[in-house]
Amino acid sequence: MPEHDVVIVGAGPAGLTAAIYAGRSRVKTLVIEMMMPGGWMAVTDTLENYPGVGTVKGAELAQRMAEQAKGFGAEIVTGSVSSVETGGEGLAAVVGGERHAARAVIVASGTNYRKLGVPGEVELAGRGVSYCATCDGPFYKGEEIAVVGGGDSALQEALYLTEFASKVYLIHRRDEFRAVPILAERVAESGRIECLCSNVVERINGTDGVDSVDIRSTKTDEARTLPVSGVFLFVGLEPRTEFLGDTVETDDRGFVLTGQDMKTNVRGLLAAGDCRSKLLRQVSTAVGDGATAAFTARQFLEDGEW
């Protein structure tokens, strides 16, 4: 018999919610998280649209969810899942050569930030190029920095970075931001953010650290160099699903295809949260996915039907 009823890959809001629901159903649950409980939520400075809690620090909400999951009996361990075995009678998540067998597996592995793909990005990663404002923002107190992107994350993190930086250049390739209007309004009112729409980054410059970025206007083709000491990139997401190989059906971007019940094409394997092909990626939608996945998994464990 498998050691666990359910193994959950990822401890973001989807994985932790699944663990809470599974634990309350007295389902023996193991959660495997490669970073820290909460995923990207844990390194998000502030959440203000999660229903019923008002404004809350991402790390605080992550801790609450993790403690709640543990309180209902879920075990949370740190590790990087290299593959999910789907053959035979059951499934297993493999971590460092060790198999964690389960009757069902819920993949809630989330996303990685998409790379911009310009010269200097890889070379200066961790030395001025960052994908996490909460992690690295305090290093840029009183300095000028750039944020690249036009969605909710880019604008929210640009606003957060004004707590440290003397000036933030917000660079976006389109004419208008894709973020919700309230964030665009706050950016316009900030006083420390200069918006550079219709511009693309062509190169990030520096040797031991970032000292400037080269940008070009998509309208006039005018080139400029901005003297900045940090560049924060928020240009989209890509699924963290490479460990699934080609056994699970995905869309053309690699996000896992599921039904409304979170079932994949593989018996016993479900997906929830941001790694799933869906319209909206928010903490609230991830929580709904996690609850649904745990409910479906429990039904599967009880009756064996898929």
C-alpha atoms as a PDB file:
ATOM      1  CA  MET A   1       0.000   0.000   0.000  1.00  0.00           C
ATOM      2  CA  PRO A   2       1.205   3.568  -0.677  1.00  0.00           C
ATOM      3  CA  GLU A   3       2.624   5.411   2.314  1.00  0.00           C
ATOM      4  CA  HIS A   4       0.260   8.361   1.794  1.00  0.00           C
ATOM      5  CA  ASP A   5      -3.283   8.807   0.570  1.00  0.00           C
ATOM      6  CA  VAL A   6      -2.433  12.107  -1.138  1.00  0.00           C
ATOM      7  CA  VAL A   7       0.857  13.775  -2.010  1.00  0.00           C
ATOM      8  CA  ILE A   8       0.622  17.477  -2.837  1.00  0.00           C
ATOM      9  CA  VAL A   9       3.436  19.001  -4.888  1.00  0.00           C
ATOM     10  CA  GLY A  10       3.727  22.633  -3.842  1.00  0.00           C
ATOM     11  CA  ALA A  11       2.748  24.582  -0.728  1.00  0.00           C
ATOM     12  CA  GLY A  12       1.404  27.763  -2.261  1.00  0.00           C
ATOM     13  CA  PRO A  13      -2.186  28.813  -1.565  1.00  0.00           C
ATOM     14  CA  ALA A  14      -3.567  26.014  -3.769  1.00  0.00           C
ATOM     15  CA  GLY A  15      -1.422  23.297  -2.191  1.00  0.00           C
ATOM     16  CA  LEU A  16      -2.000  24.483   1.376  1.00  0.00           C
ATOM     17  CA  THR A  17      -5.754  24.758   0.839  1.00  0.00           C
ATOM     18  CA  ALA A  18      -5.798  21.240  -0.600  1.00  0.00           C
ATOM     19  CA  ALA A  19      -3.867  20.076   2.474  1.00  0.00           C
ATOM     20  CA  ILE A  20      -6.373  21.748   4.814  1.00  0.00           C
ATOM     21  CA  TYR A  21      -9.341  20.134   3.076  1.00  0.00           C
ATOM     22  CA  ALA A  22      -7.638  16.744   2.813  1.00  0.00           C
ATOM     23  CA  GLY A  23      -6.588  16.846   6.462  1.00  0.00           C
ATOM     24  CA  ARG A  24     -10.110  17.696   7.622  1.00  0.00           C
ATOM     25  CA  SER A  25     -11.309  14.663   5.669  1.00  0.00           C
ATOM     26  CA  ARG A  26      -8.830  12.493   7.609  1.00  0.00           C
ATOM     27  CA  VAL A  27      -6.841  11.824   4.442  1.00  0.00           C
ATOM     28  CA  LYS A  28      -3.159  11.089   5.125  1.00  0.00           C
ATOM     29  CA  THR A  29      -1.436  13.957   3.345  1.00  0.00           C
ATOM     30  CA  LEU A  30       2.153  14.862   2.507  1.00  0.00           C
ATOM     31  CA  VAL A  31       3.003  18.299   1.076  1.00  0.00           C
ATOM     32  CA  ILE A  32       6.339  18.785  -0.707  1.00  0.00           C
ATOM     33  CA  GLU A  33       7.516  22.376  -1.192  1.00  0.00           C
ATOM     34  CA  MET A  34      10.785  23.395  -2.838  1.00  0.00           C
ATOM     35  CA  MET A  35      10.994  26.904  -1.341  1.00  0.00           C
ATOM     36  CA  MET A  36       8.885  27.866   1.659  1.00  0.00           C
ATOM     37  CA  PRO A  37       5.216  27.419   2.569  1.00  0.00           C
ATOM     38  CA  GLY A  38       3.217  30.018   0.711  1.00  0.00           C
ATOM     39  CA  GLY A  39       5.164  30.018  -2.543  1.00  0.00           C
ATOM     40  CA  TRP A  40       5.163  33.436  -4.236  1.00  0.00           C
ATOM     41  CA  MET A  41       2.475  34.554  -1.794  1.00  0.00           C
ATOM     42  CA  ALA A  42       5.064  34.382   0.995  1.00  0.00           C
ATOM     43  CA  VAL A  43       7.298  36.941  -0.740  1.00  0.00           C
ATOM     44  CA  THR A  44       4.494  39.281  -1.783  1.00  0.00           C
ATOM     45  CA  ASP A  45       4.582  42.380   0.372  1.00  0.00           C
ATOM     46  CA  THR A  46       0.869  43.091   0.708  1.00  0.00           C
ATOM     47  CA  LEU A  47      -2.386  41.446  -0.322  1.00  0.00           C
ATOM     48  CA  GLU A  48      -5.501  43.603  -0.262  1.00  0.00           C
ATOM     49  CA  ASN A  49      -7.996  41.669  -2.392  1.00  0.00           C
ATOM     50  CA  TYR A  50      -8.223  38.396  -0.465  1.00  0.00           C
ATOM     51  CA  PRO A  51     -11.840  38.318   0.735  1.00  0.00           C
ATOM     52  CA  GLY A  52     -12.540  38.906   4.382  1.00  0.00           C
ATOM     53  CA  VAL A  53      -9.058  39.684   5.682  1.00  0.00           C
ATOM     54  CA  GLY A  54      -8.505  43.231   4.448  1.00  0.00           C
ATOM     55  CA  THR A  55      -4.876  44.173   3.903  1.00  0.00           C
ATOM     56  CA  VAL A  56      -2.441  41.468   4.984  1.00  0.00           C
ATOM     57  CA  LYS A  57       1.224  40.702   4.497  1.00  0.00           C
ATOM     58  CA  GLY A  58       1.746  37.772   2.130  1.00  0.00           C
ATOM     59  CA  ALA A  59       4.142  36.072   4.549  1.00  0.00           C
ATOM     60  CA  GLU A  60       1.613  36.325   7.369  1.00  0.00           C
ATOM     61  CA  LEU A  61      -1.190  34.758   5.338  1.00  0.00           C
ATOM     62  CA  ALA A  62       1.171  32.005   4.159  1.00  0.00           C
ATOM     63  CA  GLN A  63       2.132  31.188   7.732  1.00  0.00           C
ATOM     64  CA  ARG A  64      -1.503  31.053   8.807  1.00  0.00           C
ATOM     65  CA  MET A  65      -2.358  28.658   5.986  1.00  0.00           C
ATOM     66  CA  ALA A  66       0.624  26.405   6.709  1.00  0.00           C
ATOM     67  CA  GLU A  67      -0.167  26.205  10.432  1.00  0.00           C
ATOM     68  CA  GLN A  68      -3.791  25.445   9.637  1.00  0.00           C
ATOM     69  CA  ALA A  69      -2.778  22.616   7.299  1.00  0.00           C
ATOM     70  CA  LYS A  70      -0.433  21.170   9.914  1.00  0.00           C
ATOM     71  CA  GLY A  71      -3.167  21.481  12.530  1.00  0.00           C
ATOM     72  CA  PHE A  72      -5.340  19.147  10.471  1.00  0.00           C
ATOM     73  CA  GLY A  73      -2.555  16.578  10.203  1.00  0.00           C
ATOM     74  CA  ALA A  74      -0.807  17.428   6.946  1.00  0.00           C
ATOM     75  CA  GLU A  75       2.959  16.877   6.881  1.00  0.00           C
ATOM     76  CA  ILE A  76       4.965  19.582   5.077  1.00  0.00           C
ATOM     77  CA  VAL A  77       8.518  18.824   3.946  1.00  0.00           C
ATOM     78  CA  THR A  78      11.086  20.681   1.859  1.00  0.00           C
ATOM     79  CA  GLY A  79      12.305  19.140  -1.372  1.00  0.00           C
ATOM     80  CA  SER A  80      12.377  19.474  -5.124  1.00  0.00           C
ATOM     81  CA  VAL A  81      10.233  16.959  -7.014  1.00  0.00           C
ATOM     82  CA  SER A  82      12.170  15.661 -10.007  1.00  0.00           C
ATOM     83  CA  SER A  83       9.385  13.508 -11.454  1.00  0.00           C
ATOM     84  CA  VAL A  84       5.958  12.050 -10.820  1.00  0.00           C
ATOM     85  CA  GLU A  85       5.611   8.343 -11.551  1.00  0.00           C
ATOM     86  CA  THR A  86       2.232   7.462 -12.993  1.00  0.00           C
ATOM     87  CA  GLY A  87       2.587   3.794 -13.986  1.00  0.00           C
ATOM     88  CA  GLY A  88       1.473   0.742 -12.056  1.00  0.00           C
ATOM     89  CA  GLU A  89      -1.226   0.665  -9.415  1.00  0.00           C
ATOM     90  CA  GLY A  90      -0.452   4.022  -7.792  1.00  0.00           C
ATOM     91  CA  LEU A  91       1.536   7.197  -8.193  1.00  0.00           C
ATOM     92  CA  ALA A  92       4.685   8.566  -6.603  1.00  0.00           C
ATOM     93  CA  ALA A  93       6.487  11.891  -6.328  1.00  0.00           C
ATOM     94  CA  VAL A  94      10.248  11.442  -6.569  1.00  0.00           C
ATOM     95  CA  VAL A  95      12.514  13.716  -4.505  1.00  0.00           C
ATOM     96  CA  GLY A  96      16.256  13.146  -4.673  1.00  0.00           C
ATOM     97  CA  GLY A  97      15.758   9.531  -5.690  1.00  0.00           C
ATOM     98  CA  GLU A  98      13.290   8.883  -2.854  1.00  0.00           C
ATOM     99  CA  ARG A  99       9.789   7.795  -3.855  1.00  0.00           C
ATOM    100  CA  HIS A 100       6.793   9.171  -1.976  1.00  0.00           C
ATOM    101  CA  ALA A 101       4.039   6.816  -3.055  1.00  0.00           C
ATOM    102  CA  ALA A 102       0.421   7.907  -2.921  1.00  0.00           C
ATOM    103  CA  ARG A 103      -2.982   6.873  -4.142  1.00  0.00           C
ATOM    104  CA  ALA A 104      -3.471  10.353  -5.603  1.00  0.00           C
ATOM    105  CA  VAL A 105      -1.184  13.285  -6.392  1.00  0.00           C
ATOM    106  CA  ILE A 106      -2.198  16.940  -6.560  1.00  0.00           C
ATOM    107  CA  VAL A 107       0.218  19.100  -8.541  1.00  0.00           C
ATOM    108  CA  ALA A 108       0.118  22.645  -7.179  1.00  0.00           C
ATOM    109  CA  SER A 109       3.644  23.602  -8.156  1.00  0.00           C
ATOM    110  CA  GLY A 110       2.878  27.143  -9.265  1.00  0.00           C
ATOM    111  CA  THR A 111       4.948  29.215 -11.643  1.00  0.00           C
ATOM    112  CA  ASN A 112       8.312  30.803 -12.245  1.00  0.00           C
ATOM    113  CA  TYR A 113       8.785  34.360 -13.404  1.00  0.00           C
ATOM    114  CA  ARG A 114       9.399  34.495 -17.140  1.00  0.00           C
ATOM    115  CA  LYS A 115      12.816  35.693 -18.222  1.00  0.00           C
ATOM    116  CA  LEU A 116      13.098  38.821 -20.313  1.00  0.00           C
ATOM    117  CA  GLY A 117      15.762  37.255 -22.542  1.00  0.00           C
ATOM    118  CA  VAL A 118      18.079  40.225 -23.048  1.00  0.00           C
ATOM    119  CA  PRO A 119      21.881  40.453 -22.749  1.00  0.00           C
ATOM    120  CA  GLY A 120      22.998  40.957 -19.170  1.00  0.00           C
ATOM    121  CA  GLU A 121      19.955  39.389 -17.530  1.00  0.00           C
ATOM    122  CA  VAL A 122      21.491  36.006 -16.778  1.00  0.00           C
ATOM    123  CA  GLU A 123      24.971  37.378 -16.111  1.00  0.00           C
ATOM    124  CA  LEU A 124      23.708  39.895 -13.525  1.00  0.00           C
ATOM    125  CA  ALA A 125      20.987  37.793 -11.892  1.00  0.00           C
ATOM    126  CA  GLY A 126      21.345  38.217  -8.143  1.00  0.00           C
ATOM    127  CA  ARG A 127      23.726  41.141  -8.678  1.00  0.00           C
ATOM    128  CA  GLY A 128      21.223  43.803  -9.594  1.00  0.00           C
ATOM    129  CA  VAL A 129      18.718  41.790 -11.628  1.00  0.00           C
ATOM    130  CA  SER A 130      15.863  40.528  -9.465  1.00  0.00           C
ATOM    131  CA  TYR A 131      12.443  38.905  -9.759  1.00  0.00           C
ATOM    132  CA  CYS A 132      11.392  39.599  -6.150  1.00  0.00           C
ATOM    133  CA  ALA A 133      10.881  43.115  -4.824  1.00  0.00           C
ATOM    134  CA  THR A 134      10.189  41.959  -1.283  1.00  0.00           C
ATOM    135  CA  CYS A 135      13.419  39.955  -1.237  1.00  0.00           C
ATOM    136  CA  ASP A 136      15.750  42.559  -2.707  1.00  0.00           C
ATOM    137  CA  GLY A 137      14.067  45.968  -2.475  1.00  0.00           C
ATOM    138  CA  PRO A 138      15.721  46.996   0.829  1.00  0.00           C
ATOM    139  CA  PHE A 139      19.152  46.804  -0.857  1.00  0.00           C
ATOM    140  CA  TYR A 140      18.309  49.848  -3.014  1.00  0.00           C
ATOM    141  CA  LYS A 141      17.585  52.492  -0.415  1.00  0.00           C
ATOM    142  CA  GLY A 142      18.036  55.953  -1.942  1.00  0.00           C
ATOM    143  CA  GLU A 143      18.968  54.591  -5.380  1.00  0.00           C
ATOM    144  CA  GLU A 144      17.354  54.711  -8.818  1.00  0.00           C
ATOM    145  CA  ILE A 145      16.016  51.425 -10.165  1.00  0.00           C
ATOM    146  CA  ALA A 146      13.903  50.077 -13.023  1.00  0.00           C
ATOM    147  CA  VAL A 147      10.851  47.816 -13.019  1.00  0.00           C
ATOM    148  CA  VAL A 148       9.915  46.063 -16.258  1.00  0.00           C
ATOM    149  CA  GLY A 149       6.328  44.963 -16.894  1.00  0.00           C
ATOM    150  CA  GLY A 150       2.781  46.264 -17.095  1.00  0.00           C
ATOM    151  CA  GLY A 151       0.610  43.827 -15.182  1.00  0.00           C
ATOM    152  CA  ASP A 152      -0.612  43.792 -11.594  1.00  0.00           C
ATOM    153  CA  SER A 153       2.638  42.364 -10.232  1.00  0.00           C
ATOM    154  CA  ALA A 154       4.823  44.952 -11.953  1.00  0.00           C
ATOM    155  CA  LEU A 155       2.804  47.932 -10.733  1.00  0.00           C
ATOM    156  CA  GLN A 156       2.283  46.570  -7.234  1.00  0.00           C
ATOM    157  CA  GLU A 157       5.974  45.856  -6.816  1.00  0.00           C
ATOM    158  CA  ALA A 158       6.953  49.233  -8.296  1.00  0.00           C
ATOM    159  CA  LEU A 159       4.799  50.906  -5.654  1.00  0.00           C
ATOM    160  CA  TYR A 160       6.416  48.798  -2.938  1.00  0.00           C
ATOM    161  CA  LEU A 161       9.891  49.679  -4.178  1.00  0.00           C
ATOM    162  CA  THR A 162       9.205  53.403  -3.733  1.00  0.00           C
ATOM    163  CA  GLU A 163       9.567  52.724   0.001  1.00  0.00           C
ATOM    164  CA  PHE A 164      13.301  52.329  -0.653  1.00  0.00           C
ATOM    165  CA  ALA A 165      14.342  53.747  -4.022  1.00  0.00           C
ATOM    166  CA  SER A 166      14.607  57.464  -4.725  1.00  0.00           C
ATOM    167  CA  LYS A 167      13.145  56.880  -8.179  1.00  0.00           C
ATOM    168  CA  VAL A 168      11.560  53.971 -10.037  1.00  0.00           C
ATOM    169  CA  TYR A 169      11.427  53.790 -13.833  1.00  0.00           C
ATOM    170  CA  LEU A 170       8.448  51.648 -14.861  1.00  0.00           C
ATOM    171  CA  ILE A 171       9.136  50.297 -18.355  1.00  0.00           C
ATOM    172  CA  HIS A 172       6.325  48.700 -20.369  1.00  0.00           C
ATOM    173  CA  ARG A 173       6.288  47.715 -24.022  1.00  0.00           C
ATOM    174  CA  ARG A 174       2.617  48.584 -24.603  1.00  0.00           C
ATOM    175  CA  ASP A 175       0.852  51.968 -24.672  1.00  0.00           C
ATOM    176  CA  GLU A 176      -1.210  51.176 -21.579  1.00  0.00           C
ATOM    177  CA  PHE A 177      -0.766  49.029 -18.515  1.00  0.00           C
ATOM    178  CA  ARG A 178      -2.620  45.722 -18.232  1.00  0.00           C
ATOM    179  CA  ALA A 179      -2.941  46.097 -14.459  1.00  0.00           C
ATOM    180  CA  VAL A 180      -6.217  46.869 -12.716  1.00  0.00           C
ATOM    181  CA  PRO A 181      -7.069  50.598 -12.840  1.00  0.00           C
ATOM    182  CA  ILE A 182      -6.618  51.192  -9.100  1.00  0.00           C
ATOM    183  CA  LEU A 183      -2.934  50.230  -9.337  1.00  0.00           C
ATOM    184  CA  ALA A 184      -2.419  52.461 -12.374  1.00  0.00           C
ATOM    185  CA  GLU A 185      -3.997  55.328 -10.427  1.00  0.00           C
ATOM    186  CA  ARG A 186      -1.657  54.781  -7.481  1.00  0.00           C
ATOM    187  CA  VAL A 187       1.352  54.680  -9.785  1.00  0.00           C
ATOM    188  CA  ALA A 188       0.303  57.986 -11.377  1.00  0.00           C
ATOM    189  CA  GLU A 189      -0.070  59.563  -7.925  1.00  0.00           C
ATOM    190  CA  SER A 190       3.161  58.142  -6.518  1.00  0.00           C
ATOM    191  CA  GLY A 191       5.558  60.955  -7.338  1.00  0.00           C
ATOM    192  CA  ARG A 192       8.532  58.587  -7.380  1.00  0.00           C
ATOM    193  CA  ILE A 193       7.595  56.498 -10.428  1.00  0.00           C
ATOM    194  CA  GLU A 194       8.330  57.602 -13.985  1.00  0.00           C
ATOM    195  CA  CYS A 195       6.303  55.594 -16.485  1.00  0.00           C
ATOM    196  CA  LEU A 196       8.031  54.734 -19.738  1.00  0.00           C
ATOM    197  CA  CYS A 197       5.324  53.071 -21.806  1.00  0.00           C
ATOM    198  CA  SER A 198       5.947  51.978 -25.397  1.00  0.00           C
ATOM    199  CA  ASN A 199       9.538  51.118 -24.508  1.00  0.00           C
ATOM    200  CA  VAL A 200      11.449  47.842 -24.477  1.00  0.00           C
ATOM    201  CA  VAL A 201      14.627  46.894 -22.639  1.00  0.00           C
ATOM    202  CA  GLU A 202      17.381  45.878 -25.050  1.00  0.00           C
ATOM    203  CA  ARG A 203      20.272  45.310 -22.663  1.00  0.00           C
ATOM    204  CA  ILE A 204      21.167  45.351 -18.967  1.00  0.00           C
ATOM    205  CA  ASN A 205      24.658  46.743 -18.413  1.00  0.00           C
ATOM    206  CA  GLY A 206      27.215  46.193 -15.683  1.00  0.00           C
ATOM    207  CA  THR A 207      30.140  44.066 -14.554  1.00  0.00           C
ATOM    208  CA  ASP A 208      29.964  43.362 -10.832  1.00  0.00           C
ATOM    209  CA  GLY A 209      26.462  44.816 -10.638  1.00  0.00           C
ATOM    210  CA  VAL A 210      23.895  46.673 -12.706  1.00  0.00           C
ATOM    211  CA  ASP A 211      24.823  50.226 -13.647  1.00  0.00           C
ATOM    212  CA  SER A 212      22.350  50.971 -16.464  1.00  0.00           C
ATOM    213  CA  VAL A 213      19.744  49.638 -18.883  1.00  0.00           C
ATOM    214  CA  ASP A 214      19.411  50.341 -22.601  1.00  0.00           C
ATOM    215  CA  ILE A 215      15.837  50.936 -23.753  1.00  0.00           C
ATOM    216  CA  ARG A 216      14.268  51.738 -27.103  1.00  0.00           C
ATOM    217  CA  SER A 217      10.953  53.359 -27.984  1.00  0.00           C
ATOM    218  CA  THR A 218       8.601  51.120 -29.968  1.00  0.00           C
ATOM    219  CA  LYS A 219       7.076  54.224 -31.562  1.00  0.00           C
ATOM    220  CA  THR A 220      10.006  56.476 -32.457  1.00  0.00           C
ATOM    221  CA  ASP A 221      12.879  53.946 -32.328  1.00  0.00           C
ATOM    222  CA  GLU A 222      14.734  56.393 -30.054  1.00  0.00           C
ATOM    223  CA  ALA A 223      17.350  54.700 -27.861  1.00  0.00           C
ATOM    224  CA  ARG A 224      18.185  55.766 -24.305  1.00  0.00           C
ATOM    225  CA  THR A 225      20.378  54.551 -21.475  1.00  0.00           C
ATOM    226  CA  LEU A 226      18.968  54.808 -17.963  1.00  0.00           C
ATOM    227  CA  PRO A 227      21.482  54.909 -15.092  1.00  0.00           C
ATOM    228  CA  VAL A 228      20.037  52.469 -12.538  1.00  0.00           C
ATOM    229  CA  SER A 229      21.551  50.154  -9.943  1.00  0.00           C
ATOM    230  CA  GLY A 230      18.803  47.537  -9.997  1.00  0.00           C
ATOM    231  CA  VAL A 231      16.350  46.002 -12.463  1.00  0.00           C
ATOM    232  CA  PHE A 232      13.230  44.145 -11.303  1.00  0.00           C
ATOM    233  CA  LEU A 233      11.557  41.987 -13.942  1.00  0.00           C
ATOM    234  CA  PHE A 234       7.844  41.131 -13.902  1.00  0.00           C
ATOM    235  CA  VAL A 235       7.070  40.175 -17.499  1.00  0.00           C
ATOM    236  CA  GLY A 236       4.812  37.191 -17.036  1.00  0.00           C
ATOM    237  CA  LEU A 237       4.762  33.676 -15.676  1.00  0.00           C
ATOM    238  CA  GLU A 238       5.653  30.211 -16.900  1.00  0.00           C
ATOM    239  CA  PRO A 239       4.468  26.976 -15.281  1.00  0.00           C
ATOM    240  CA  ARG A 240       6.725  24.999 -12.986  1.00  0.00           C
ATOM    241  CA  THR A 241       5.722  21.675 -14.526  1.00  0.00           C
ATOM    242  CA  GLU A 242       8.888  20.376 -16.191  1.00  0.00           C
ATOM    243  CA  PHE A 243       9.024  17.444 -13.734  1.00  0.00           C
ATOM    244  CA  LEU A 244       5.811  16.055 -15.241  1.00  0.00           C
ATOM    245  CA  GLY A 245       7.486  15.303 -18.574  1.00  0.00           C
ATOM    246  CA  ASP A 246       5.075  14.577 -21.401  1.00  0.00           C
ATOM    247  CA  THR A 247       2.711  12.293 -19.477  1.00  0.00           C
ATOM    248  CA  VAL A 248       0.217  15.044 -18.688  1.00  0.00           C
ATOM    249  CA  GLU A 249      -1.712  17.078 -21.242  1.00  0.00           C
ATOM    250  CA  THR A 250      -0.835  20.799 -21.263  1.00  0.00           C
ATOM    251  CA  ASP A 251      -1.706  23.850 -23.289  1.00  0.00           C
ATOM    252  CA  ASP A 252       0.764  25.411 -25.712  1.00  0.00           C
ATOM    253  CA  ARG A 253       2.490  27.283 -22.877  1.00  0.00           C
ATOM    254  CA  GLY A 254       2.935  24.222 -20.664  1.00  0.00           C
ATOM    255  CA  PHE A 255       0.109  24.877 -18.194  1.00  0.00           C
ATOM    256  CA  VAL A 256      -1.671  21.668 -17.156  1.00  0.00           C
ATOM    257  CA  LEU A 257      -5.077  21.010 -18.687  1.00  0.00           C
ATOM    258  CA  THR A 258      -7.794  19.948 -16.233  1.00  0.00           C
ATOM    259  CA  GLY A 259     -11.532  19.760 -15.987  1.00  0.00           C
ATOM    260  CA  GLN A 260     -13.540  21.795 -13.498  1.00  0.00           C
ATOM    261  CA  ASP A 261     -12.923  18.961 -11.033  1.00  0.00           C
ATOM    262  CA  MET A 262      -9.133  19.479 -11.361  1.00  0.00           C
ATOM    263  CA  LYS A 263      -8.621  16.032 -12.913  1.00  0.00           C
ATOM    264  CA  THR A 264      -5.909  15.649 -15.539  1.00  0.00           C
ATOM    265  CA  ASN A 265      -5.781  13.000 -18.249  1.00  0.00           C
ATOM    266  CA  VAL A 266      -3.797  10.732 -15.875  1.00  0.00           C
ATOM    267  CA  ARG A 267      -5.764   8.614 -13.422  1.00  0.00           C
ATOM    268  CA  GLY A 268      -5.224   9.806  -9.862  1.00  0.00           C
ATOM    269  CA  LEU A 269      -3.335  12.959 -10.872  1.00  0.00           C
ATOM    270  CA  LEU A 270      -4.883  16.365 -10.307  1.00  0.00           C
ATOM    271  CA  ALA A 271      -3.611  19.917 -10.783  1.00  0.00           C
ATOM    272  CA  ALA A 272      -4.551  23.101  -8.952  1.00  0.00           C
ATOM    273  CA  GLY A 273      -3.516  26.734  -8.765  1.00  0.00           C
ATOM    274  CA  ASP A 274      -1.261  28.727 -11.038  1.00  0.00           C
ATOM    275  CA  CYS A 275       0.295  25.722 -12.805  1.00  0.00           C
ATOM    276  CA  ARG A 276      -3.135  24.932 -14.264  1.00  0.00           C
ATOM    277  CA  SER A 277      -4.396  26.346 -17.569  1.00  0.00           C
ATOM    278  CA  LYS A 278      -6.867  29.024 -16.444  1.00  0.00           C
ATOM    279  CA  LEU A 279      -7.990  32.594 -16.961  1.00  0.00           C
ATOM    280  CA  LEU A 280      -6.986  34.240 -13.666  1.00  0.00           C
ATOM    281  CA  ARG A 281      -4.038  33.549 -11.352  1.00  0.00           C
ATOM    282  CA  GLN A 282      -4.720  34.990  -7.917  1.00  0.00           C
ATOM    283  CA  VAL A 283      -4.562  33.708  -4.341  1.00  0.00           C
ATOM    284  CA  SER A 284      -8.358  33.530  -4.242  1.00  0.00           C
ATOM    285  CA  THR A 285      -8.620  31.416  -7.403  1.00  0.00           C
ATOM    286  CA  ALA A 286      -5.783  29.162  -6.216  1.00  0.00           C
ATOM    287  CA  VAL A 287      -7.632  28.555  -2.953  1.00  0.00           C
ATOM    288  CA  GLY A 288     -10.737  27.510  -4.879  1.00  0.00           C
ATOM    289  CA  ASP A 289      -8.704  25.142  -7.043  1.00  0.00           C
ATOM    290  CA  GLY A 290      -7.075  23.579  -3.988  1.00  0.00           C
ATOM    291  CA  ALA A 291     -10.390  22.967  -2.259  1.00  0.00           C
ATOM    292  CA  THR A 292     -11.849  21.403  -5.403  1.00  0.00           C
ATOM    293  CA  ALA A 293      -8.792  19.210  -5.977  1.00  0.00           C
ATOM    294  CA  ALA A 294      -8.899  17.860  -2.420  1.00  0.00           C
ATOM    295  CA  PHE A 295     -12.642  17.155  -2.687  1.00  0.00           C
ATOM    296  CA  THR A 296     -12.171  15.325  -5.999  1.00  0.00           C
ATOM    297  CA  ALA A 297      -9.216  13.369  -4.618  1.00  0.00           C
ATOM    298  CA  ARG A 298     -11.246  12.247  -1.613  1.00  0.00           C
ATOM    299  CA  GLN A 299     -14.054  11.038  -3.884  1.00  0.00           C
ATOM    300  CA  PHE A 300     -11.510   9.109  -5.938  1.00  0.00           C
ATOM    301  CA  LEU A 301     -10.011   7.522  -2.832  1.00  0.00           C
ATOM    302  CA  GLU A 302     -13.445   6.469  -1.620  1.00  0.00           C
ATOM    303  CA  ASP A 303     -14.947   4.979  -4.764  1.00  0.00           C
ATOM    304  CA  GLY A 304     -11.963   4.413  -7.097  1.00  0.00           C
ATOM    305  CA  GLU A 305     -13.774   6.009 -10.024  1.00  0.00           C
ATOM    306  CA  TRP A 306     -12.067   8.582 -12.228  1.00  0.00           C
END
